[in-house]
Amino acid sequence: HIVRLEFQSDHSTTGRGFNITYTTFGQNECHDPGIPINGRRFGDRFLLGSSVSFHCDDGFVKTQGSETITCVLQDGNVVWSSTVPRCEAPCGGHLTASNGIILPPGWPGYYKDSLNCEWVIEGKKGHSIKISFDKFQTEVNYDTLEVRDGPSGSSPLIGEYHGTQAPQFLISTS
């Protein structure tokens, strides 16, 4: 097997370029499936019949692909049984775990425009909720995060934050 790549550019505007990796692999093994961005891979055997599994990092959810893939023979080719998962920050959700991470879609890059994400954090009965702002930067005056003391948009307002102006932490009272 031989592959040839040829890159040409003209005299006008240039782009950022590219970063390409390549690997070679034997006849009875699948190619290295890689590791999803914002995720981890468990398993490093890619032989026919082997399986590897994936897990998204905290704050991210699987939006496509499979958590486990197996190296199989399909139509005479050695291939993975499914695609590697994509791990993305969700736009909203109902959070009931005792701790977690909330990230805007697009993290760690820029968040997308025209978003309207709502998260509801529900603690155990008798437990307060502490929200810590580890990093916070939005477009001043236009992109805001409202924090309310309760589950609805009409619950008492704790604060409205934008730019880099957010407290180190806040605690629920309801």
N, C-alpha and C. Protein backbone atom coordinates (compact mmCIF):
# COMPACT_ATOMS: atom_id res chain seq x y z
N HIS A 1 0.84 -1.18 0.00
CA HIS A 1 0.00 0.00 0.00
C HIS A 1 0.88 1.24 0.00
N ILE A 2 0.53 2.19 -0.84
CA ILE A 2 1.26 3.44 -0.95
C ILE A 2 0.25 4.57 -1.07
N VAL A 3 0.52 5.66 -0.38
CA VAL A 3 -0.33 6.85 -0.45
C VAL A 3 0.53 8.05 -0.77
N ARG A 4 0.04 8.95 -1.61
CA ARG A 4 0.76 10.17 -1.95
C ARG A 4 -0.11 11.37 -1.61
N LEU A 5 0.48 12.36 -0.98
CA LEU A 5 -0.21 13.61 -0.69
C LEU A 5 0.55 14.73 -1.37
N GLU A 6 -0.14 15.67 -1.94
CA GLU A 6 0.49 16.82 -2.58
C GLU A 6 -0.26 18.07 -2.18
N PHE A 7 0.46 19.06 -1.67
CA PHE A 7 -0.15 20.31 -1.25
C PHE A 7 0.34 21.43 -2.15
N GLN A 8 -0.57 22.26 -2.61
CA GLN A 8 -0.21 23.42 -3.42
C GLN A 8 -0.96 24.63 -2.87
N SER A 9 -0.35 25.77 -2.93
CA SER A 9 -1.05 27.00 -2.55
C SER A 9 -0.79 28.05 -3.62
N ASP A 10 -1.75 28.95 -3.77
CA ASP A 10 -1.58 30.01 -4.77
C ASP A 10 -1.00 31.25 -4.10
N HIS A 11 -1.00 32.34 -4.80
CA HIS A 11 -0.36 33.56 -4.34
C HIS A 11 -1.29 34.44 -3.48
N SER A 12 -2.55 34.05 -3.32
CA SER A 12 -3.48 34.90 -2.56
C SER A 12 -3.49 34.51 -1.08
N THR A 13 -4.59 34.68 -0.43
CA THR A 13 -4.73 34.47 1.00
C THR A 13 -4.33 33.05 1.42
N THR A 14 -3.68 32.97 2.59
CA THR A 14 -3.28 31.67 3.11
C THR A 14 -4.20 31.26 4.25
N GLY A 15 -4.25 29.96 4.52
CA GLY A 15 -5.04 29.43 5.63
C GLY A 15 -4.15 29.03 6.77
N ARG A 16 -4.73 28.40 7.78
CA ARG A 16 -3.97 27.98 8.95
C ARG A 16 -3.11 26.76 8.67
N GLY A 17 -3.36 26.07 7.58
CA GLY A 17 -2.58 24.87 7.27
C GLY A 17 -3.22 23.64 7.86
N PHE A 18 -2.43 22.63 8.14
CA PHE A 18 -2.99 21.39 8.65
C PHE A 18 -1.96 20.65 9.47
N ASN A 19 -2.44 19.67 10.22
CA ASN A 19 -1.61 18.81 11.04
C ASN A 19 -2.12 17.40 10.78
N ILE A 20 -1.37 16.60 10.06
CA ILE A 20 -1.80 15.27 9.65
C ILE A 20 -0.92 14.24 10.33
N THR A 21 -1.53 13.20 10.85
CA THR A 21 -0.75 12.08 11.38
C THR A 21 -1.07 10.85 10.54
N TYR A 22 -0.15 9.90 10.53
CA TYR A 22 -0.43 8.65 9.82
C TYR A 22 0.15 7.49 10.60
N THR A 23 -0.43 6.32 10.41
CA THR A 23 0.08 5.09 11.01
C THR A 23 -0.07 3.98 9.99
N THR A 24 0.74 2.96 10.14
CA THR A 24 0.59 1.76 9.32
C THR A 24 0.11 0.65 10.25
N PHE A 25 -0.64 -0.30 9.71
CA PHE A 25 -1.16 -1.39 10.53
C PHE A 25 -1.28 -2.64 9.69
N GLY A 26 -1.23 -3.79 10.37
CA GLY A 26 -1.22 -5.09 9.70
C GLY A 26 -2.57 -5.50 9.14
N GLN A 27 -2.59 -6.65 8.44
CA GLN A 27 -3.79 -7.14 7.76
C GLN A 27 -4.89 -7.60 8.71
N ASN A 28 -4.53 -8.09 9.90
CA ASN A 28 -5.52 -8.61 10.85
C ASN A 28 -5.73 -7.67 12.03
N GLU A 29 -5.57 -6.38 11.78
CA GLU A 29 -5.83 -5.42 12.84
C GLU A 29 -6.48 -4.17 12.27
N CYS A 30 -7.21 -3.49 13.15
CA CYS A 30 -7.85 -2.23 12.77
C CYS A 30 -6.86 -1.09 13.00
N HIS A 31 -7.11 0.02 12.34
CA HIS A 31 -6.28 1.21 12.57
C HIS A 31 -6.52 1.72 13.99
N ASP A 32 -5.61 2.49 14.51
CA ASP A 32 -5.78 3.12 15.82
C ASP A 32 -6.98 4.06 15.72
N PRO A 33 -8.04 3.84 16.52
CA PRO A 33 -9.22 4.69 16.40
C PRO A 33 -9.04 6.08 16.98
N GLY A 34 -7.94 6.29 17.70
CA GLY A 34 -7.69 7.59 18.31
C GLY A 34 -8.44 7.74 19.63
N ILE A 35 -8.36 8.93 20.17
CA ILE A 35 -9.01 9.25 21.44
C ILE A 35 -9.90 10.45 21.18
N PRO A 36 -11.17 10.40 21.59
CA PRO A 36 -12.04 11.54 21.32
C PRO A 36 -11.57 12.79 22.05
N ILE A 37 -11.73 13.94 21.42
CA ILE A 37 -11.46 15.21 22.09
C ILE A 37 -12.42 15.29 23.27
N ASN A 38 -11.93 15.69 24.42
CA ASN A 38 -12.70 15.77 25.66
C ASN A 38 -13.14 14.38 26.15
N GLY A 39 -12.35 13.36 25.85
CA GLY A 39 -12.68 12.01 26.28
C GLY A 39 -11.44 11.16 26.50
N ARG A 40 -11.67 9.89 26.88
CA ARG A 40 -10.58 8.94 27.13
C ARG A 40 -10.89 7.62 26.44
N ARG A 41 -9.84 6.87 26.16
CA ARG A 41 -9.99 5.53 25.58
C ARG A 41 -9.44 4.51 26.55
N PHE A 42 -10.13 3.38 26.65
CA PHE A 42 -9.69 2.26 27.48
C PHE A 42 -9.46 1.07 26.56
N GLY A 43 -8.22 0.62 26.50
CA GLY A 43 -7.83 -0.49 25.64
C GLY A 43 -6.89 -0.01 24.55
N ASP A 44 -5.87 -0.82 24.28
CA ASP A 44 -4.90 -0.44 23.25
C ASP A 44 -4.55 -1.61 22.34
N ARG A 45 -5.45 -2.60 22.27
CA ARG A 45 -5.28 -3.72 21.34
C ARG A 45 -6.26 -3.54 20.19
N PHE A 46 -5.74 -3.58 18.97
CA PHE A 46 -6.57 -3.31 17.80
C PHE A 46 -6.67 -4.52 16.88
N LEU A 47 -6.34 -5.73 17.40
CA LEU A 47 -6.41 -6.95 16.61
C LEU A 47 -7.86 -7.35 16.36
N LEU A 48 -8.07 -8.11 15.30
CA LEU A 48 -9.39 -8.62 14.96
C LEU A 48 -10.02 -9.29 16.19
N GLY A 49 -11.23 -8.88 16.55
CA GLY A 49 -11.93 -9.42 17.71
C GLY A 49 -11.74 -8.61 18.98
N SER A 50 -10.77 -7.69 19.00
CA SER A 50 -10.52 -6.87 20.19
C SER A 50 -11.53 -5.72 20.26
N SER A 51 -11.79 -5.28 21.49
CA SER A 51 -12.69 -4.14 21.70
C SER A 51 -11.97 -3.05 22.48
N VAL A 52 -12.35 -1.81 22.24
CA VAL A 52 -11.90 -0.68 23.04
C VAL A 52 -13.15 0.10 23.45
N SER A 53 -13.06 0.76 24.59
CA SER A 53 -14.20 1.56 25.05
C SER A 53 -13.75 2.99 25.29
N PHE A 54 -14.73 3.87 25.35
CA PHE A 54 -14.47 5.30 25.48
C PHE A 54 -15.34 5.89 26.57
N HIS A 55 -14.87 6.99 27.16
CA HIS A 55 -15.63 7.69 28.19
C HIS A 55 -15.40 9.18 28.00
N CYS A 56 -16.46 9.96 28.06
CA CYS A 56 -16.34 11.41 27.95
C CYS A 56 -15.88 12.00 29.28
N ASP A 57 -15.06 13.05 29.23
CA ASP A 57 -14.61 13.74 30.43
C ASP A 57 -15.80 14.38 31.14
N ASP A 58 -15.60 14.73 32.42
CA ASP A 58 -16.65 15.38 33.20
C ASP A 58 -17.10 16.66 32.51
N GLY A 59 -18.39 16.87 32.45
CA GLY A 59 -18.96 18.05 31.80
C GLY A 59 -19.31 17.85 30.35
N PHE A 60 -18.93 16.70 29.79
CA PHE A 60 -19.19 16.41 28.39
C PHE A 60 -20.07 15.17 28.27
N VAL A 61 -20.86 15.09 27.19
CA VAL A 61 -21.71 13.93 26.94
C VAL A 61 -21.44 13.40 25.54
N LYS A 62 -21.74 12.11 25.35
CA LYS A 62 -21.57 11.47 24.04
C LYS A 62 -22.72 11.93 23.14
N THR A 63 -22.38 12.54 22.00
CA THR A 63 -23.41 13.02 21.08
C THR A 63 -23.52 12.16 19.83
N GLN A 64 -22.54 11.33 19.57
CA GLN A 64 -22.61 10.39 18.45
C GLN A 64 -21.56 9.32 18.65
N GLY A 65 -21.63 8.25 17.88
CA GLY A 65 -20.68 7.15 18.02
C GLY A 65 -21.08 6.20 19.13
N SER A 66 -20.18 5.27 19.44
CA SER A 66 -20.46 4.22 20.43
C SER A 66 -19.46 4.26 21.56
N GLU A 67 -19.92 3.83 22.74
CA GLU A 67 -19.03 3.77 23.90
C GLU A 67 -18.04 2.62 23.78
N THR A 68 -18.40 1.56 23.07
CA THR A 68 -17.50 0.42 22.85
C THR A 68 -17.53 0.06 21.37
N ILE A 69 -16.33 -0.14 20.80
CA ILE A 69 -16.24 -0.58 19.40
C ILE A 69 -15.37 -1.83 19.34
N THR A 70 -15.64 -2.68 18.37
CA THR A 70 -14.93 -3.95 18.22
C THR A 70 -14.34 -4.03 16.82
N CYS A 71 -13.13 -4.56 16.72
CA CYS A 71 -12.47 -4.76 15.43
C CYS A 71 -13.08 -6.02 14.79
N VAL A 72 -13.75 -5.84 13.65
CA VAL A 72 -14.49 -6.94 13.01
C VAL A 72 -14.09 -7.08 11.54
N LEU A 73 -14.45 -8.23 10.96
CA LEU A 73 -14.27 -8.47 9.53
C LEU A 73 -15.61 -8.20 8.85
N GLN A 74 -15.61 -7.23 7.94
CA GLN A 74 -16.85 -6.84 7.26
C GLN A 74 -16.57 -6.72 5.76
N ASP A 75 -17.24 -7.52 4.96
CA ASP A 75 -17.06 -7.51 3.51
C ASP A 75 -15.59 -7.68 3.11
N GLY A 76 -14.87 -8.53 3.85
CA GLY A 76 -13.48 -8.80 3.54
C GLY A 76 -12.50 -7.77 4.08
N ASN A 77 -13.00 -6.73 4.76
CA ASN A 77 -12.15 -5.69 5.33
C ASN A 77 -12.18 -5.75 6.85
N VAL A 78 -11.03 -5.46 7.47
CA VAL A 78 -10.95 -5.40 8.92
C VAL A 78 -11.25 -3.96 9.32
N VAL A 79 -12.38 -3.75 10.00
CA VAL A 79 -12.85 -2.39 10.33
C VAL A 79 -13.42 -2.37 11.76
N TRP A 80 -13.61 -1.18 12.28
CA TRP A 80 -14.27 -1.02 13.57
C TRP A 80 -15.77 -1.14 13.38
N SER A 81 -16.45 -1.69 14.38
CA SER A 81 -17.89 -1.94 14.31
C SER A 81 -18.73 -0.67 14.34
N SER A 82 -18.16 0.43 14.79
CA SER A 82 -18.88 1.70 14.87
C SER A 82 -17.88 2.84 14.89
N THR A 83 -18.39 4.05 14.99
CA THR A 83 -17.51 5.22 15.03
C THR A 83 -17.14 5.56 16.47
N VAL A 84 -16.02 6.25 16.61
CA VAL A 84 -15.57 6.74 17.91
C VAL A 84 -16.55 7.81 18.38
N PRO A 85 -16.87 7.84 19.67
CA PRO A 85 -17.85 8.84 20.12
C PRO A 85 -17.32 10.26 20.01
N ARG A 86 -18.26 11.17 19.92
CA ARG A 86 -17.95 12.60 19.96
C ARG A 86 -18.41 13.10 21.33
N CYS A 87 -17.54 13.78 22.05
CA CYS A 87 -17.84 14.27 23.40
C CYS A 87 -17.99 15.78 23.35
N GLU A 88 -19.18 16.26 23.66
CA GLU A 88 -19.46 17.69 23.59
C GLU A 88 -20.14 18.17 24.86
N ALA A 89 -19.97 19.46 25.16
CA ALA A 89 -20.66 20.06 26.30
C ALA A 89 -22.12 20.28 25.91
N PRO A 90 -23.06 19.79 26.73
CA PRO A 90 -24.47 19.94 26.38
C PRO A 90 -25.00 21.34 26.68
N CYS A 91 -26.01 21.75 25.94
CA CYS A 91 -26.67 23.04 26.16
C CYS A 91 -27.84 22.81 27.11
N GLY A 92 -27.55 22.79 28.40
CA GLY A 92 -28.59 22.61 29.40
C GLY A 92 -28.70 21.19 29.89
N GLY A 93 -29.56 21.00 30.88
CA GLY A 93 -29.81 19.67 31.41
C GLY A 93 -30.32 19.72 32.84
N HIS A 94 -30.78 18.59 33.31
CA HIS A 94 -31.26 18.44 34.69
C HIS A 94 -30.20 17.63 35.43
N LEU A 95 -29.49 18.26 36.34
CA LEU A 95 -28.35 17.65 37.00
C LEU A 95 -28.73 17.23 38.42
N THR A 96 -28.54 15.95 38.74
CA THR A 96 -28.92 15.45 40.06
C THR A 96 -27.74 14.81 40.81
N ALA A 97 -26.58 14.72 40.18
CA ALA A 97 -25.40 14.17 40.86
C ALA A 97 -24.99 15.14 41.97
N SER A 98 -24.28 14.65 42.97
CA SER A 98 -23.88 15.50 44.09
C SER A 98 -22.82 16.52 43.70
N ASN A 99 -22.15 16.32 42.57
CA ASN A 99 -21.22 17.33 42.05
C ASN A 99 -21.08 17.12 40.56
N GLY A 100 -20.60 18.14 39.88
CA GLY A 100 -20.45 18.05 38.43
C GLY A 100 -19.85 19.31 37.86
N ILE A 101 -19.79 19.36 36.56
CA ILE A 101 -19.20 20.48 35.84
C ILE A 101 -20.21 20.96 34.81
N ILE A 102 -20.35 22.28 34.70
CA ILE A 102 -21.22 22.88 33.68
C ILE A 102 -20.33 23.68 32.74
N LEU A 103 -20.43 23.36 31.45
CA LEU A 103 -19.64 24.01 30.41
C LEU A 103 -20.58 24.46 29.30
N PRO A 104 -20.25 25.55 28.62
CA PRO A 104 -21.08 25.94 27.46
C PRO A 104 -20.71 25.10 26.24
N PRO A 105 -21.66 24.88 25.32
CA PRO A 105 -21.33 24.17 24.09
C PRO A 105 -20.16 24.85 23.37
N GLY A 106 -19.25 24.04 22.85
CA GLY A 106 -18.07 24.58 22.18
C GLY A 106 -16.83 24.58 23.06
N TRP A 107 -17.01 24.45 24.38
CA TRP A 107 -15.86 24.43 25.31
C TRP A 107 -14.90 23.32 24.92
N PRO A 108 -13.59 23.51 24.92
CA PRO A 108 -12.87 24.64 25.49
C PRO A 108 -12.66 25.80 24.52
N GLY A 109 -13.23 25.72 23.33
CA GLY A 109 -13.16 26.85 22.40
C GLY A 109 -14.25 27.86 22.74
N TYR A 110 -14.56 28.72 21.78
CA TYR A 110 -15.61 29.72 21.98
C TYR A 110 -16.98 29.06 21.95
N TYR A 111 -17.89 29.57 22.77
CA TYR A 111 -19.27 29.07 22.71
C TYR A 111 -19.93 29.61 21.45
N LYS A 112 -20.99 28.94 21.04
CA LYS A 112 -21.68 29.31 19.81
C LYS A 112 -22.57 30.53 20.06
N ASP A 113 -22.97 31.21 18.98
CA ASP A 113 -23.87 32.34 19.14
C ASP A 113 -25.32 31.86 19.16
N SER A 114 -26.21 32.73 19.57
CA SER A 114 -27.66 32.47 19.62
C SER A 114 -28.02 31.27 20.50
N LEU A 115 -27.32 31.09 21.60
CA LEU A 115 -27.63 29.99 22.52
C LEU A 115 -28.67 30.41 23.55
N ASN A 116 -29.42 29.46 24.04
CA ASN A 116 -30.30 29.65 25.19
C ASN A 116 -30.29 28.33 25.96
N CYS A 117 -29.33 28.19 26.85
CA CYS A 117 -29.12 26.95 27.59
C CYS A 117 -29.62 27.11 29.02
N GLU A 118 -30.33 26.11 29.51
CA GLU A 118 -30.83 26.13 30.88
C GLU A 118 -30.44 24.84 31.60
N TRP A 119 -29.76 25.00 32.73
CA TRP A 119 -29.41 23.87 33.57
C TRP A 119 -30.19 24.00 34.88
N VAL A 120 -30.71 22.91 35.38
CA VAL A 120 -31.34 22.89 36.70
C VAL A 120 -30.54 21.89 37.53
N ILE A 121 -30.02 22.37 38.65
CA ILE A 121 -29.26 21.51 39.56
C ILE A 121 -30.18 21.18 40.73
N GLU A 122 -30.39 19.91 40.97
CA GLU A 122 -31.29 19.48 42.04
C GLU A 122 -30.49 18.66 43.05
N GLY A 123 -30.31 19.23 44.24
CA GLY A 123 -29.59 18.54 45.30
C GLY A 123 -30.52 17.65 46.11
N LYS A 124 -29.93 16.81 46.93
CA LYS A 124 -30.72 15.96 47.83
C LYS A 124 -31.47 16.84 48.83
N LYS A 125 -32.58 16.33 49.31
CA LYS A 125 -33.39 17.05 50.30
C LYS A 125 -32.51 17.43 51.50
N GLY A 126 -32.57 18.69 51.90
CA GLY A 126 -31.78 19.17 53.03
C GLY A 126 -30.37 19.61 52.66
N HIS A 127 -29.96 19.47 51.39
CA HIS A 127 -28.62 19.88 50.96
C HIS A 127 -28.69 21.20 50.20
N SER A 128 -27.74 22.10 50.46
CA SER A 128 -27.61 23.34 49.70
C SER A 128 -26.77 23.07 48.46
N ILE A 129 -26.77 24.01 47.54
CA ILE A 129 -25.98 23.87 46.31
C ILE A 129 -24.98 25.02 46.26
N LYS A 130 -23.70 24.68 46.13
CA LYS A 130 -22.65 25.67 45.98
C LYS A 130 -22.21 25.68 44.52
N ILE A 131 -22.20 26.85 43.91
CA ILE A 131 -21.74 27.01 42.53
C ILE A 131 -20.43 27.79 42.58
N SER A 132 -19.36 27.20 42.06
CA SER A 132 -18.05 27.85 42.02
C SER A 132 -17.74 28.23 40.58
N PHE A 133 -17.34 29.47 40.38
CA PHE A 133 -16.99 29.96 39.04
C PHE A 133 -15.48 29.82 38.87
N ASP A 134 -15.04 28.71 38.27
CA ASP A 134 -13.61 28.49 38.07
C ASP A 134 -13.07 29.37 36.95
N LYS A 135 -13.81 29.48 35.86
CA LYS A 135 -13.47 30.38 34.74
C LYS A 135 -14.78 30.99 34.28
N PHE A 136 -14.74 32.27 33.94
CA PHE A 136 -15.97 32.92 33.46
C PHE A 136 -15.59 34.08 32.56
N GLN A 137 -16.03 34.02 31.30
CA GLN A 137 -15.81 35.12 30.36
C GLN A 137 -16.86 35.05 29.27
N THR A 138 -17.73 36.06 29.24
CA THR A 138 -18.74 36.16 28.19
C THR A 138 -18.65 37.55 27.57
N GLU A 139 -19.40 37.76 26.51
CA GLU A 139 -19.43 39.07 25.87
C GLU A 139 -20.15 40.04 26.81
N VAL A 140 -19.47 41.13 27.18
CA VAL A 140 -20.01 42.10 28.13
C VAL A 140 -21.33 42.66 27.63
N ASN A 141 -22.32 42.72 28.51
CA ASN A 141 -23.66 43.29 28.27
C ASN A 141 -24.57 42.47 27.36
N TYR A 142 -24.04 41.55 26.59
CA TYR A 142 -24.87 40.84 25.62
C TYR A 142 -25.09 39.37 25.96
N ASP A 143 -24.07 38.70 26.47
CA ASP A 143 -24.15 37.28 26.79
C ASP A 143 -24.11 37.14 28.31
N THR A 144 -25.22 36.75 28.89
CA THR A 144 -25.33 36.75 30.35
C THR A 144 -25.67 35.36 30.89
N LEU A 145 -25.30 35.14 32.13
CA LEU A 145 -25.68 33.94 32.86
C LEU A 145 -26.51 34.39 34.05
N GLU A 146 -27.76 33.97 34.08
CA GLU A 146 -28.64 34.24 35.23
C GLU A 146 -28.59 33.04 36.16
N VAL A 147 -28.50 33.31 37.45
CA VAL A 147 -28.57 32.25 38.45
C VAL A 147 -29.78 32.54 39.33
N ARG A 148 -30.68 31.59 39.41
CA ARG A 148 -31.92 31.76 40.18
C ARG A 148 -31.99 30.74 41.31
N ASP A 149 -32.62 31.15 42.40
CA ASP A 149 -32.76 30.31 43.59
C ASP A 149 -34.03 29.48 43.47
N GLY A 150 -34.00 28.49 42.60
CA GLY A 150 -35.16 27.65 42.33
C GLY A 150 -35.12 27.14 40.91
N PRO A 151 -36.08 26.29 40.51
CA PRO A 151 -36.02 25.60 39.23
C PRO A 151 -36.55 26.35 38.02
N SER A 152 -37.24 27.48 38.21
CA SER A 152 -37.89 28.12 37.06
C SER A 152 -37.34 29.51 36.77
N GLY A 153 -37.72 30.02 35.61
CA GLY A 153 -37.31 31.37 35.21
C GLY A 153 -37.94 32.45 36.06
N SER A 154 -38.93 32.09 36.88
CA SER A 154 -39.56 33.08 37.77
C SER A 154 -39.08 32.94 39.22
N SER A 155 -38.16 32.01 39.48
CA SER A 155 -37.59 31.87 40.83
C SER A 155 -36.78 33.12 41.16
N PRO A 156 -36.58 33.43 42.46
CA PRO A 156 -35.84 34.63 42.84
C PRO A 156 -34.44 34.67 42.21
N LEU A 157 -34.08 35.84 41.69
CA LEU A 157 -32.79 36.03 41.03
C LEU A 157 -31.68 36.15 42.08
N ILE A 158 -30.67 35.31 41.97
CA ILE A 158 -29.48 35.42 42.82
C ILE A 158 -28.52 36.43 42.20
N GLY A 159 -28.31 36.32 40.90
CA GLY A 159 -27.41 37.24 40.22
C GLY A 159 -27.44 37.04 38.72
N GLU A 160 -26.98 38.07 38.01
CA GLU A 160 -26.86 38.03 36.55
C GLU A 160 -25.44 38.46 36.23
N TYR A 161 -24.72 37.62 35.49
CA TYR A 161 -23.28 37.83 35.31
C TYR A 161 -22.92 37.86 33.83
N HIS A 162 -21.94 38.73 33.49
CA HIS A 162 -21.44 38.82 32.12
C HIS A 162 -20.02 39.37 32.16
N GLY A 163 -19.35 39.31 31.02
CA GLY A 163 -17.95 39.73 30.98
C GLY A 163 -17.12 38.79 31.82
N THR A 164 -16.33 39.35 32.72
CA THR A 164 -15.55 38.53 33.65
C THR A 164 -16.02 38.75 35.08
N GLN A 165 -17.15 39.42 35.24
CA GLN A 165 -17.67 39.77 36.56
C GLN A 165 -18.58 38.68 37.11
N ALA A 166 -18.01 37.74 37.82
CA ALA A 166 -18.78 36.69 38.49
C ALA A 166 -18.13 36.46 39.85
N PRO A 167 -18.93 36.11 40.85
CA PRO A 167 -18.34 35.86 42.17
C PRO A 167 -17.50 34.58 42.14
N GLN A 168 -16.66 34.41 43.15
CA GLN A 168 -15.87 33.19 43.25
C GLN A 168 -16.80 31.99 43.43
N PHE A 169 -17.84 32.18 44.25
CA PHE A 169 -18.84 31.13 44.43
C PHE A 169 -20.12 31.75 44.97
N LEU A 170 -21.21 30.99 44.92
CA LEU A 170 -22.46 31.38 45.56
C LEU A 170 -23.16 30.13 46.05
N ILE A 171 -24.08 30.31 47.00
CA ILE A 171 -24.76 29.17 47.63
C ILE A 171 -26.26 29.39 47.58
N SER A 172 -26.99 28.34 47.24
CA SER A 172 -28.45 28.42 47.17
C SER A 172 -29.05 28.54 48.57
N THR A 173 -30.24 29.14 48.63
CA THR A 173 -30.92 29.24 49.93
C THR A 173 -32.24 28.48 49.94
N SER A 174 -32.74 28.06 48.76
CA SER A 174 -34.03 27.35 48.74
C SER A 174 -33.84 25.85 48.71
